[in-house]
Amino acid sequence: MTNNQINFIGWILFVLSAIGFIIASVGHFWAMFGSVFFLVACLVFMIPFFRKDD
């Protein structure tokens, strides 16, 4: 397993945990805000995995 594969699996796990936090925080504005913000941050960190190298 390469380092990129391990990093990608780690980010997938972070995204899944963010989705779990979103589900758990339904009905609580600030908790939902933080959870969505965490999910967006995880997705931003995953951008390099999907970009083509020049």
Protein backbone atom coordinates (compact mmCIF):
# COMPACT_ATOMS: atom_id res chain seq x y z
CA MET A 1 0.00 0.00 0.00
CA THR A 2 1.45 3.36 -1.00
CA ASN A 3 1.49 6.48 1.13
CA ASN A 4 -1.05 8.13 -1.21
CA GLN A 5 -3.47 5.23 -0.75
CA ILE A 6 -3.10 5.38 3.05
CA ASN A 7 -3.63 9.17 3.02
CA PHE A 8 -6.69 8.81 0.80
CA ILE A 9 -8.21 6.14 3.08
CA GLY A 10 -7.58 8.43 6.06
CA TRP A 11 -9.40 11.31 4.38
CA ILE A 12 -12.31 9.05 3.45
CA LEU A 13 -12.59 8.08 7.13
CA PHE A 14 -12.55 11.77 8.11
CA VAL A 15 -15.34 12.47 5.60
CA LEU A 16 -17.40 9.59 6.99
CA SER A 17 -16.93 10.87 10.53
CA ALA A 18 -17.97 14.37 9.40
CA ILE A 19 -21.14 12.89 7.90
CA GLY A 20 -21.77 11.10 11.20
CA PHE A 21 -21.33 14.39 13.09
CA ILE A 22 -23.79 16.08 10.71
CA ILE A 23 -26.38 13.37 11.33
CA ALA A 24 -25.86 13.59 15.09
CA SER A 25 -26.17 17.38 15.10
CA VAL A 26 -29.50 17.68 13.28
CA GLY A 27 -31.54 20.32 15.06
CA HIS A 28 -28.61 22.09 16.70
CA PHE A 29 -27.50 25.05 14.60
CA TRP A 30 -23.95 25.58 15.87
CA ALA A 31 -23.14 21.87 15.97
CA MET A 32 -24.48 21.52 12.43
CA PHE A 33 -22.47 24.56 11.30
CA GLY A 34 -19.27 23.09 12.74
CA SER A 35 -19.95 19.68 11.25
CA VAL A 36 -20.61 21.03 7.77
CA PHE A 37 -17.53 23.23 8.02
CA PHE A 38 -15.46 20.16 9.01
CA LEU A 39 -16.86 18.20 6.05
CA VAL A 40 -16.03 21.01 3.61
CA ALA A 41 -12.49 21.25 5.03
CA CYS A 42 -11.99 17.50 4.57
CA LEU A 43 -13.20 17.73 0.97
CA VAL A 44 -10.82 20.64 0.30
CA PHE A 45 -7.91 18.57 1.59
CA MET A 46 -8.92 15.76 -0.80
CA ILE A 47 -8.65 17.98 -3.91
CA PRO A 48 -5.00 17.02 -4.61
CA PHE A 49 -6.02 13.36 -4.94
CA PHE A 50 -8.32 14.22 -7.86
CA ARG A 51 -6.19 16.78 -9.69
CA LYS A 52 -4.13 15.74 -12.66
CA ASP A 53 -0.38 16.28 -12.34
CA ASP A 54 0.98 18.67 -14.95
